Amino acid sequence: MNKEMKQCVDIFKALSDKNRMRILLMLRVRPLCVCEISEVLNIAFSTISAHLKLLRNTGLIEDEKDGRWVIYRLVEGDEFFDDILGSVEEKLHGDKQVLNDRKVVSEITREICALKLKEKQYN
């Protein structure tokens, strides 16, 4: 399989999971840390980490350490992926789940997540 074919297959594999699709659409809003993604998806950190690892290995996202947080963002400059994700976003522009995800992303911060995690530890 040539490089371009492999890249296309890898992108479509990454998009084939609902939670990975939701993560990518959230990252179109802004960069996020794992706890912010967890707040939206409400799934285990280990599952989120597995999704993020696949997306990172596919070259769709990148991460950067910011103090105690690792921040994930979309990789820029891949016109093919940008077009695909833009088309997906356009198709799902009225989807209730996507709209709710964006609402939560706009309201949540790393600091709020940290406080919630601390509260869970003590309860």
Foldseek 3Di string as FASTA:
>chain_A
DDPVVVLVVLLVVLCPDPLSLLVQLLLVVHKDFLLLSCVLVVDDSVVVVVSVVSCVVSVQWDWDDDPPTIIIHGDPDPVVSVVVSVVVCVVCVPPPSSVSSNVSSVVDDPVNSVVVVVVVVVD
